[in-house]
Structures are given as structure tokens and as C-alpha cells.
């Protein structure tokens, strides 16, 4: 069962997962547990801000494509591009085909290789295309897609930080949050987000969109889980880059599912 978020957990979630001016006062495992458990709340905040920018551009006369580009840019700005960078590094590590130690060394390098570039390109294209289609449907569908995808991205971080998922390195953000969330709490977080997202979509758009939104969140978590398990097999555990890759994978999956049908 989810509990009321602690101040330290909220500070950890917003201070590490966004650039919002929130000071992280505790870096212990207890604060990390609260922060990763309530990561979807930080994601919802990012998604609402992204939707706000997109809707503002639409109100000023911009087309759906420009609104979609701006909406996709906001989460990148609010995370300093760390999730996208993590996605690129994870792609380079997986694409290298090298043993775990060498792949992890490749991921730590500051440059981005061809696998990372291609992955970033197609991921961002998919996100913008799906958002543009949502805005073409209505401003409400576009705003919902922005909020749901950002929330699903951080929900995937909650599940990736559950107990039993090891860290690939003894240092770094990945090691700080690996395994901090009890498995039952992670499952409760998924159920809560699915129900709330579906209820919101149903209230504004109807029962069909409620079902599609629930499916989008479920698919986002499932696809992110596949990537997570593959990374654990290849690297021996998770890293900060893997967390970023998992988040962007979940966000893109949610947007693609919302664009179908």
C-alpha cells in the first residue's frame, strides 16, 4: 500500500529527477526509497508543465507539430537531458556486443556512438509524431499524452529500483537507488498510476480513452521491464544510464500506444 510521501522522499524525487529548485537534504537509502517510490509524482509535474507549453503554443496559433516538438523538449530540459543521454549510452553499451566490463566502460565515455545517435533520433521522432497526432485529435488528447507519458517514464524508474534488481557498479546514482523500493510497493505504484490515469482520461474523454490510457501505462511498464531485464543480463545490473534508458523507453511506448486506434 502506498503511504503519504515523506518530505525527504519528495525532495529526493524532485531534486534528482528534475532541475526544479529542490534541495536534497538526505542521500541515504531511506530517502532514496521514498524518492523512487514517488518518482511518478515528479513525472506528472514534468508532464503537466510540458502539456502547458504545448497548449500555450496552440493557443498562440501554432500547429500541432510545433506544439509536439515543444512538448517533447520540456522533459528533456527539465532533466538536463540526462534520460536521453542515458538512453544513448545504454544503446551504445548494448550495441557494442562486448562483455559487461567493456560495455560499461563504453557507456561511461562522454561521446555518443552510432547506436546512441540512431536510438535518440528514432526515439525523438516517434515521440514528436505521436504527440502531434494527439494534438491533431484535440488539445485534451495532446495534454493527456504529455502527462501520461512523463508519468509512465518515472513509474518505470520506480519498478526498476525495486528489490532484487542489482547495481552494475558500486558507485553512481544507479547504485544509490538500486533495490530500494519493496517489490510490493512498486506493484502498488503501478496499479495506482494505471487507475488514476484511466480515471482522468475517462472523465475528460470517455471510456474508450480510459481503456487505451490504462493500456498505454501497462505497455510502457512492460516494455521498460523487458529493456531492464536485458540490461541486467548484459551488464550484471543497473546503472544511472540504464535508468535513463528505461524512462525514455516507457515514455515512448506510452505515446505510441496512445497514438494507435
C-alpha atoms as a PDB file:
ATOM      1  CA  UNK A   1       0.000   0.000   0.000  1.00  0.00           C
ATOM      2  CA  UNK A   2       1.271   3.499  -0.824  1.00  0.00           C
ATOM      3  CA  UNK A   3       1.847   5.844   2.074  1.00  0.00           C
ATOM      4  CA  UNK A   4       1.791   9.625   2.316  1.00  0.00           C
ATOM      5  CA  UNK A   5       5.044  10.862   0.752  1.00  0.00           C
ATOM      6  CA  UNK A   6       7.688  11.989   3.244  1.00  0.00           C
ATOM      7  CA  UNK A   7       9.350  15.396   2.765  1.00  0.00           C
ATOM      8  CA  UNK A   8      12.739  13.734   2.311  1.00  0.00           C
ATOM      9  CA  UNK A   9      11.338  11.355  -0.300  1.00  0.00           C
ATOM     10  CA  UNK A  10       9.702  14.182  -2.227  1.00  0.00           C
ATOM     11  CA  UNK A  11      12.888  16.231  -2.121  1.00  0.00           C
ATOM     12  CA  UNK A  12      14.841  13.252  -3.405  1.00  0.00           C
ATOM     13  CA  UNK A  13      12.351  12.637  -6.234  1.00  0.00           C
ATOM     14  CA  UNK A  14      12.192  16.235  -7.435  1.00  0.00           C
ATOM     15  CA  UNK A  15      15.807  17.075  -6.648  1.00  0.00           C
ATOM     16  CA  UNK A  16      17.314  14.146  -8.551  1.00  0.00           C
ATOM     17  CA  UNK A  17      14.765  13.639 -11.349  1.00  0.00           C
ATOM     18  CA  UNK A  18      14.150  17.290 -12.292  1.00  0.00           C
ATOM     19  CA  UNK A  19      16.007  20.598 -12.413  1.00  0.00           C
ATOM     20  CA  UNK A  20      13.363  22.240 -10.271  1.00  0.00           C
ATOM     21  CA  UNK A  21      14.955  24.162  -7.367  1.00  0.00           C
ATOM     22  CA  UNK A  22      14.508  21.487  -4.708  1.00  0.00           C
ATOM     23  CA  UNK A  23      17.361  20.787  -2.301  1.00  0.00           C
ATOM     24  CA  UNK A  24      18.058  17.152  -1.495  1.00  0.00           C
ATOM     25  CA  UNK A  25      18.882  17.066   2.212  1.00  0.00           C
ATOM     26  CA  UNK A  26      19.268  13.297   2.639  1.00  0.00           C
ATOM     27  CA  UNK A  27      21.037  10.797   0.367  1.00  0.00           C
ATOM     28  CA  UNK A  28      20.542   7.647   2.418  1.00  0.00           C
ATOM     29  CA  UNK A  29      18.642   4.553   1.332  1.00  0.00           C
ATOM     30  CA  UNK A  30      15.502   5.599   3.187  1.00  0.00           C
ATOM     31  CA  UNK A  31      15.292   8.899   1.310  1.00  0.00           C
ATOM     32  CA  UNK A  32      16.112   7.118  -1.938  1.00  0.00           C
ATOM     33  CA  UNK A  33      13.300   4.627  -1.307  1.00  0.00           C
ATOM     34  CA  UNK A  34      10.793   7.432  -0.836  1.00  0.00           C
ATOM     35  CA  UNK A  35      12.150   9.331  -3.804  1.00  0.00           C
ATOM     36  CA  UNK A  36      11.933   6.424  -6.226  1.00  0.00           C
ATOM     37  CA  UNK A  37       8.554   5.351  -4.904  1.00  0.00           C
ATOM     38  CA  UNK A  38       7.163   8.813  -5.576  1.00  0.00           C
ATOM     39  CA  UNK A  39       9.032   9.345  -8.844  1.00  0.00           C
ATOM     40  CA  UNK A  40       5.719   9.216 -10.806  1.00  0.00           C
ATOM     41  CA  UNK A  41       4.630  12.362  -8.957  1.00  0.00           C
ATOM     42  CA  UNK A  42       7.702  14.153 -10.269  1.00  0.00           C
ATOM     43  CA  UNK A  43       6.881  12.757 -13.698  1.00  0.00           C
ATOM     44  CA  UNK A  44       3.332  14.063 -13.517  1.00  0.00           C
ATOM     45  CA  UNK A  45       4.674  17.529 -12.693  1.00  0.00           C
ATOM     46  CA  UNK A  46       7.023  17.401 -15.676  1.00  0.00           C
ATOM     47  CA  UNK A  47       4.198  16.174 -17.907  1.00  0.00           C
ATOM     48  CA  UNK A  48       1.808  18.921 -16.806  1.00  0.00           C
ATOM     49  CA  UNK A  49       4.454  21.569 -17.499  1.00  0.00           C
ATOM     50  CA  UNK A  50       5.139  20.029 -20.911  1.00  0.00           C
ATOM     51  CA  UNK A  51       1.438  19.979 -21.713  1.00  0.00           C
ATOM     52  CA  UNK A  52       1.166  23.595 -20.610  1.00  0.00           C
ATOM     53  CA  UNK A  53       3.839  24.688 -23.061  1.00  0.00           C
ATOM     54  CA  UNK A  54       2.209  22.755 -25.888  1.00  0.00           C
ATOM     55  CA  UNK A  55      -1.234  24.182 -25.145  1.00  0.00           C
ATOM     56  CA  UNK A  56       0.176  27.700 -24.925  1.00  0.00           C
ATOM     57  CA  UNK A  57       1.660  27.364 -28.411  1.00  0.00           C
ATOM     58  CA  UNK A  58      -1.634  26.030 -29.751  1.00  0.00           C
ATOM     59  CA  UNK A  59      -3.454  28.995 -28.182  1.00  0.00           C
ATOM     60  CA  UNK A  60      -0.997  31.358 -29.886  1.00  0.00           C
ATOM     61  CA  UNK A  61      -1.787  29.834 -33.266  1.00  0.00           C
ATOM     62  CA  UNK A  62       0.995  27.274 -33.661  1.00  0.00           C
ATOM     63  CA  UNK A  63       0.328  23.997 -35.435  1.00  0.00           C
ATOM     64  CA  UNK A  64       0.242  20.596 -33.799  1.00  0.00           C
ATOM     65  CA  UNK A  65       3.755  19.689 -34.992  1.00  0.00           C
ATOM     66  CA  UNK A  66       5.383  22.698 -33.357  1.00  0.00           C
ATOM     67  CA  UNK A  67       3.373  22.107 -30.193  1.00  0.00           C
ATOM     68  CA  UNK A  68       4.547  18.480 -30.205  1.00  0.00           C
ATOM     69  CA  UNK A  69       8.208  19.473 -30.587  1.00  0.00           C
ATOM     70  CA  UNK A  70       7.935  21.892 -27.668  1.00  0.00           C
ATOM     71  CA  UNK A  71       6.112  19.324 -25.555  1.00  0.00           C
ATOM     72  CA  UNK A  72       8.830  16.729 -26.182  1.00  0.00           C
ATOM     73  CA  UNK A  73      11.537  19.294 -25.426  1.00  0.00           C
ATOM     74  CA  UNK A  74      10.252  20.244 -21.981  1.00  0.00           C
ATOM     75  CA  UNK A  75      11.015  16.895 -20.266  1.00  0.00           C
ATOM     76  CA  UNK A  76      14.493  16.969 -21.812  1.00  0.00           C
ATOM     77  CA  UNK A  77      15.098  20.461 -20.445  1.00  0.00           C
ATOM     78  CA  UNK A  78      13.681  19.634 -17.018  1.00  0.00           C
ATOM     79  CA  UNK A  79      16.022  16.645 -16.691  1.00  0.00           C
ATOM     80  CA  UNK A  80      19.072  18.345 -18.263  1.00  0.00           C
ATOM     81  CA  UNK A  81      18.810  15.727 -20.986  1.00  0.00           C
ATOM     82  CA  UNK A  82      20.059  13.044 -18.590  1.00  0.00           C
ATOM     83  CA  UNK A  83      17.422  10.482 -19.519  1.00  0.00           C
ATOM     84  CA  UNK A  84      18.085  10.923 -23.226  1.00  0.00           C
ATOM     85  CA  UNK A  85      21.828  10.738 -22.570  1.00  0.00           C
ATOM     86  CA  UNK A  86      21.249   7.557 -20.577  1.00  0.00           C
ATOM     87  CA  UNK A  87      19.230   6.083 -23.427  1.00  0.00           C
ATOM     88  CA  UNK A  88      22.028   6.825 -25.897  1.00  0.00           C
ATOM     89  CA  UNK A  89      24.726   5.403 -23.620  1.00  0.00           C
ATOM     90  CA  UNK A  90      22.667   2.287 -22.953  1.00  0.00           C
ATOM     91  CA  UNK A  91      22.181   1.785 -26.691  1.00  0.00           C
ATOM     92  CA  UNK A  92      25.923   2.115 -27.254  1.00  0.00           C
ATOM     93  CA  UNK A  93      26.668  -0.370 -24.476  1.00  0.00           C
ATOM     94  CA  UNK A  94      24.163  -2.918 -25.735  1.00  0.00           C
ATOM     95  CA  UNK A  95      25.079  -2.386 -29.364  1.00  0.00           C
ATOM     96  CA  UNK A  96      28.781  -2.850 -28.762  1.00  0.00           C
ATOM     97  CA  UNK A  97      28.339  -6.586 -28.222  1.00  0.00           C
ATOM     98  CA  UNK A  98      31.251  -6.511 -25.778  1.00  0.00           C
ATOM     99  CA  UNK A  99      31.474  -8.174 -22.352  1.00  0.00           C
ATOM    100  CA  UNK A 100      29.870  -6.386 -19.430  1.00  0.00           C
ATOM    101  CA  UNK A 101      33.015  -4.652 -18.163  1.00  0.00           C
ATOM    102  CA  UNK A 102      33.901  -3.265 -21.593  1.00  0.00           C
ATOM    103  CA  UNK A 103      30.301  -2.283 -22.324  1.00  0.00           C
ATOM    104  CA  UNK A 104      30.090  -0.377 -19.024  1.00  0.00           C
ATOM    105  CA  UNK A 105      33.316   1.427 -19.890  1.00  0.00           C
ATOM    106  CA  UNK A 106      31.845   2.443 -23.255  1.00  0.00           C
ATOM    107  CA  UNK A 107      28.747   3.770 -21.510  1.00  0.00           C
ATOM    108  CA  UNK A 108      30.856   5.980 -19.223  1.00  0.00           C
ATOM    109  CA  UNK A 109      32.562   7.714 -22.127  1.00  0.00           C
ATOM    110  CA  UNK A 110      31.409  11.274 -22.816  1.00  0.00           C
ATOM    111  CA  UNK A 111      30.895  10.811 -26.548  1.00  0.00           C
ATOM    112  CA  UNK A 112      27.882   9.165 -28.211  1.00  0.00           C
ATOM    113  CA  UNK A 113      28.406   6.367 -30.681  1.00  0.00           C
ATOM    114  CA  UNK A 114      26.380   5.407 -33.770  1.00  0.00           C
ATOM    115  CA  UNK A 115      23.963   3.182 -31.843  1.00  0.00           C
ATOM    116  CA  UNK A 116      23.228   6.007 -29.443  1.00  0.00           C
ATOM    117  CA  UNK A 117      22.721   8.563 -32.212  1.00  0.00           C
ATOM    118  CA  UNK A 118      20.298   6.344 -34.124  1.00  0.00           C
ATOM    119  CA  UNK A 119      18.382   5.432 -30.983  1.00  0.00           C
ATOM    120  CA  UNK A 120      17.999   9.086 -29.978  1.00  0.00           C
ATOM    121  CA  UNK A 121      16.931  10.068 -33.485  1.00  0.00           C
ATOM    122  CA  UNK A 122      14.187   7.483 -33.837  1.00  0.00           C
ATOM    123  CA  UNK A 123      13.021   7.847 -30.234  1.00  0.00           C
ATOM    124  CA  UNK A 124      12.542  11.598 -30.527  1.00  0.00           C
ATOM    125  CA  UNK A 125      10.909  11.244 -33.936  1.00  0.00           C
ATOM    126  CA  UNK A 126       8.459   8.720 -32.509  1.00  0.00           C
ATOM    127  CA  UNK A 127       7.673  10.946 -29.535  1.00  0.00           C
ATOM    128  CA  UNK A 128       7.078  14.042 -31.657  1.00  0.00           C
ATOM    129  CA  UNK A 129       4.997  12.149 -34.229  1.00  0.00           C
ATOM    130  CA  UNK A 130       2.796  10.595 -31.543  1.00  0.00           C
ATOM    131  CA  UNK A 131       2.323  13.913 -29.742  1.00  0.00           C
ATOM    132  CA  UNK A 132       1.470  15.697 -32.989  1.00  0.00           C
ATOM    133  CA  UNK A 133      -1.172  13.070 -33.728  1.00  0.00           C
ATOM    134  CA  UNK A 134      -2.582  13.504 -30.233  1.00  0.00           C
ATOM    135  CA  UNK A 135      -2.796  17.269 -30.640  1.00  0.00           C
ATOM    136  CA  UNK A 136      -4.451  16.761 -34.024  1.00  0.00           C
ATOM    137  CA  UNK A 137      -7.139  14.788 -32.224  1.00  0.00           C
ATOM    138  CA  UNK A 138      -7.786  17.529 -29.660  1.00  0.00           C
ATOM    139  CA  UNK A 139      -5.932  19.705 -27.210  1.00  0.00           C
ATOM    140  CA  UNK A 140      -7.158  17.451 -24.398  1.00  0.00           C
ATOM    141  CA  UNK A 141      -5.679  14.332 -26.009  1.00  0.00           C
ATOM    142  CA  UNK A 142      -2.381  16.104 -26.526  1.00  0.00           C
ATOM    143  CA  UNK A 143      -2.246  17.281 -22.939  1.00  0.00           C
ATOM    144  CA  UNK A 144      -3.190  13.830 -21.679  1.00  0.00           C
ATOM    145  CA  UNK A 145      -0.489  12.182 -23.786  1.00  0.00           C
ATOM    146  CA  UNK A 146       2.149  14.555 -22.423  1.00  0.00           C
ATOM    147  CA  UNK A 147       1.131  13.972 -18.812  1.00  0.00           C
ATOM    148  CA  UNK A 148       0.697  10.205 -19.109  1.00  0.00           C
ATOM    149  CA  UNK A 149       3.981   9.601 -20.935  1.00  0.00           C
ATOM    150  CA  UNK A 150       6.038  11.615 -18.441  1.00  0.00           C
ATOM    151  CA  UNK A 151       4.349   9.884 -15.505  1.00  0.00           C
ATOM    152  CA  UNK A 152       4.843   6.438 -17.063  1.00  0.00           C
ATOM    153  CA  UNK A 153       8.527   7.235 -17.623  1.00  0.00           C
ATOM    154  CA  UNK A 154       9.078   7.859 -13.911  1.00  0.00           C
ATOM    155  CA  UNK A 155       6.866   4.943 -12.957  1.00  0.00           C
ATOM    156  CA  UNK A 156       9.302   2.754 -14.873  1.00  0.00           C
ATOM    157  CA  UNK A 157      12.056   4.139 -12.649  1.00  0.00           C
ATOM    158  CA  UNK A 158      10.080   3.029  -9.601  1.00  0.00           C
ATOM    159  CA  UNK A 159       9.837  -0.533 -10.899  1.00  0.00           C
ATOM    160  CA  UNK A 160      13.481  -0.533 -11.999  1.00  0.00           C
ATOM    161  CA  UNK A 161      14.538   0.417  -8.461  1.00  0.00           C
ATOM    162  CA  UNK A 162      12.655  -2.470  -6.855  1.00  0.00           C
ATOM    163  CA  UNK A 163      14.241  -5.006  -4.552  1.00  0.00           C
ATOM    164  CA  UNK A 164      16.069  -7.794  -6.349  1.00  0.00           C
ATOM    165  CA  UNK A 165      17.444  -5.632  -9.186  1.00  0.00           C
ATOM    166  CA  UNK A 166      21.190  -5.245  -8.535  1.00  0.00           C
ATOM    167  CA  UNK A 167      23.513  -2.383  -9.384  1.00  0.00           C
ATOM    168  CA  UNK A 168      26.110  -2.963 -12.096  1.00  0.00           C
ATOM    169  CA  UNK A 169      28.636  -0.694 -10.383  1.00  0.00           C
ATOM    170  CA  UNK A 170      29.318   0.011  -6.707  1.00  0.00           C
ATOM    171  CA  UNK A 171      29.129   3.760  -7.262  1.00  0.00           C
ATOM    172  CA  UNK A 172      26.892   6.290  -9.015  1.00  0.00           C
ATOM    173  CA  UNK A 173      23.190   7.098  -8.927  1.00  0.00           C
ATOM    174  CA  UNK A 174      22.288   3.620 -10.127  1.00  0.00           C
ATOM    175  CA  UNK A 175      23.954   2.067  -7.087  1.00  0.00           C
ATOM    176  CA  UNK A 176      22.335   4.653  -4.783  1.00  0.00           C
ATOM    177  CA  UNK A 177      18.794   3.697  -5.782  1.00  0.00           C
ATOM    178  CA  UNK A 178      19.100   0.079  -6.944  1.00  0.00           C
ATOM    179  CA  UNK A 179      16.864  -2.235  -4.949  1.00  0.00           C
ATOM    180  CA  UNK A 180      15.486   0.436  -2.607  1.00  0.00           C
ATOM    181  CA  UNK A 181      11.777   0.015  -3.437  1.00  0.00           C
ATOM    182  CA  UNK A 182       9.992  -3.045  -1.997  1.00  0.00           C
ATOM    183  CA  UNK A 183       8.500  -5.168  -4.771  1.00  0.00           C
ATOM    184  CA  UNK A 184       5.010  -4.863  -3.317  1.00  0.00           C
ATOM    185  CA  UNK A 185       5.257  -1.082  -3.178  1.00  0.00           C
ATOM    186  CA  UNK A 186       6.412  -0.961  -6.801  1.00  0.00           C
ATOM    187  CA  UNK A 187       3.417  -3.060  -7.837  1.00  0.00           C
ATOM    188  CA  UNK A 188       1.113  -0.792  -5.841  1.00  0.00           C
ATOM    189  CA  UNK A 189       2.590   2.235  -7.599  1.00  0.00           C
ATOM    190  CA  UNK A 190       1.876   0.685 -10.996  1.00  0.00           C
ATOM    191  CA  UNK A 191      -1.718  -0.121 -10.044  1.00  0.00           C
ATOM    192  CA  UNK A 192      -2.259   3.376  -8.652  1.00  0.00           C
ATOM    193  CA  UNK A 193      -0.940   5.141 -11.751  1.00  0.00           C
ATOM    194  CA  UNK A 194      -2.944   2.894 -14.087  1.00  0.00           C
ATOM    195  CA  UNK A 195      -6.180   3.551 -12.185  1.00  0.00           C
ATOM    196  CA  UNK A 196      -5.659   7.304 -11.839  1.00  0.00           C
ATOM    197  CA  UNK A 197      -4.565   7.755 -15.460  1.00  0.00           C
ATOM    198  CA  UNK A 198      -7.549   5.766 -16.730  1.00  0.00           C
ATOM    199  CA  UNK A 199      -9.958   7.651 -14.468  1.00  0.00           C
ATOM    200  CA  UNK A 200      -8.642  11.015 -15.670  1.00  0.00           C
ATOM    201  CA  UNK A 201      -8.895  10.002 -19.313  1.00  0.00           C
ATOM    202  CA  UNK A 202     -12.377   8.609 -18.775  1.00  0.00           C
ATOM    203  CA  UNK A 203     -13.582  11.777 -17.059  1.00  0.00           C
ATOM    204  CA  UNK A 204     -12.481  14.064 -19.890  1.00  0.00           C
ATOM    205  CA  UNK A 205     -12.517  11.862 -22.990  1.00  0.00           C
ATOM    206  CA  UNK A 206     -14.750   8.867 -22.322  1.00  0.00           C
ATOM    207  CA  UNK A 207     -14.490   5.147 -21.561  1.00  0.00           C
ATOM    208  CA  UNK A 208     -12.612   4.184 -24.734  1.00  0.00           C
ATOM    209  CA  UNK A 209      -9.802   6.598 -23.922  1.00  0.00           C
ATOM    210  CA  UNK A 210      -9.801   5.385 -20.327  1.00  0.00           C
ATOM    211  CA  UNK A 211      -9.106   1.852 -21.528  1.00  0.00           C
ATOM    212  CA  UNK A 212      -6.496   2.996 -24.020  1.00  0.00           C
ATOM    213  CA  UNK A 213      -4.733   5.092 -21.377  1.00  0.00           C
ATOM    214  CA  UNK A 214      -4.630   2.186 -18.943  1.00  0.00           C
ATOM    215  CA  UNK A 215      -3.208   0.022 -21.727  1.00  0.00           C
ATOM    216  CA  UNK A 216      -0.620   2.684 -22.561  1.00  0.00           C
ATOM    217  CA  UNK A 217       0.685   2.789 -18.992  1.00  0.00           C
ATOM    218  CA  UNK A 218       0.689  -1.007 -18.734  1.00  0.00           C
ATOM    219  CA  UNK A 219       2.560  -1.422 -22.022  1.00  0.00           C
ATOM    220  CA  UNK A 220       5.036   1.294 -21.041  1.00  0.00           C
ATOM    221  CA  UNK A 221       5.942  -0.543 -17.847  1.00  0.00           C
ATOM    222  CA  UNK A 222       6.076  -3.904 -19.631  1.00  0.00           C
ATOM    223  CA  UNK A 223       8.382  -2.753 -22.442  1.00  0.00           C
ATOM    224  CA  UNK A 224      10.593  -0.898 -19.979  1.00  0.00           C
ATOM    225  CA  UNK A 225      10.783  -4.098 -17.941  1.00  0.00           C
ATOM    226  CA  UNK A 226      11.991  -6.023 -20.985  1.00  0.00           C
ATOM    227  CA  UNK A 227      14.781  -3.498 -21.508  1.00  0.00           C
ATOM    228  CA  UNK A 228      15.626  -3.581 -17.800  1.00  0.00           C
ATOM    229  CA  UNK A 229      15.949  -7.358 -17.730  1.00  0.00           C
ATOM    230  CA  UNK A 230      18.082  -7.360 -20.862  1.00  0.00           C
ATOM    231  CA  UNK A 231      20.402  -4.768 -19.339  1.00  0.00           C
ATOM    232  CA  UNK A 232      20.685  -6.726 -16.104  1.00  0.00           C
ATOM    233  CA  UNK A 233      21.656  -9.825 -18.087  1.00  0.00           C
ATOM    234  CA  UNK A 234      24.183  -7.921 -20.214  1.00  0.00           C
ATOM    235  CA  UNK A 235      25.702  -5.600 -17.628  1.00  0.00           C
ATOM    236  CA  UNK A 236      25.135  -7.516 -14.416  1.00  0.00           C
ATOM    237  CA  UNK A 237      22.805  -4.884 -13.034  1.00  0.00           C
ATOM    238  CA  UNK A 238      21.542  -1.338 -13.498  1.00  0.00           C
ATOM    239  CA  UNK A 239      23.342   1.976 -13.842  1.00  0.00           C
ATOM    240  CA  UNK A 240      22.199   5.568 -13.996  1.00  0.00           C
ATOM    241  CA  UNK A 241      22.293   5.273 -17.784  1.00  0.00           C
ATOM    242  CA  UNK A 242      20.044   2.228 -17.702  1.00  0.00           C
ATOM    243  CA  UNK A 243      17.550   4.135 -15.573  1.00  0.00           C
ATOM    244  CA  UNK A 244      17.519   6.896 -18.177  1.00  0.00           C
ATOM    245  CA  UNK A 245      17.065   4.407 -20.994  1.00  0.00           C
ATOM    246  CA  UNK A 246      14.220   2.701 -19.153  1.00  0.00           C
ATOM    247  CA  UNK A 247      12.460   6.038 -18.594  1.00  0.00           C
ATOM    248  CA  UNK A 248      12.657   7.130 -22.232  1.00  0.00           C
ATOM    249  CA  UNK A 249      11.570   3.707 -23.425  1.00  0.00           C
ATOM    250  CA  UNK A 250       8.497   3.840 -21.209  1.00  0.00           C
ATOM    251  CA  UNK A 251       7.608   7.377 -22.313  1.00  0.00           C
ATOM    252  CA  UNK A 252       7.900   6.485 -25.994  1.00  0.00           C
ATOM    253  CA  UNK A 253       5.896   3.284 -25.604  1.00  0.00           C
ATOM    254  CA  UNK A 254       3.086   5.122 -23.835  1.00  0.00           C
ATOM    255  CA  UNK A 255       2.923   7.737 -26.587  1.00  0.00           C
ATOM    256  CA  UNK A 256       2.911   5.135 -29.359  1.00  0.00           C
ATOM    257  CA  UNK A 257       0.093   3.152 -27.720  1.00  0.00           C
ATOM    258  CA  UNK A 258      -1.941   6.338 -27.245  1.00  0.00           C
ATOM    259  CA  UNK A 259      -1.461   7.102 -30.950  1.00  0.00           C
ATOM    260  CA  UNK A 260      -2.921   3.746 -32.029  1.00  0.00           C
ATOM    261  CA  UNK A 261      -6.589   3.008 -32.589  1.00  0.00           C
END
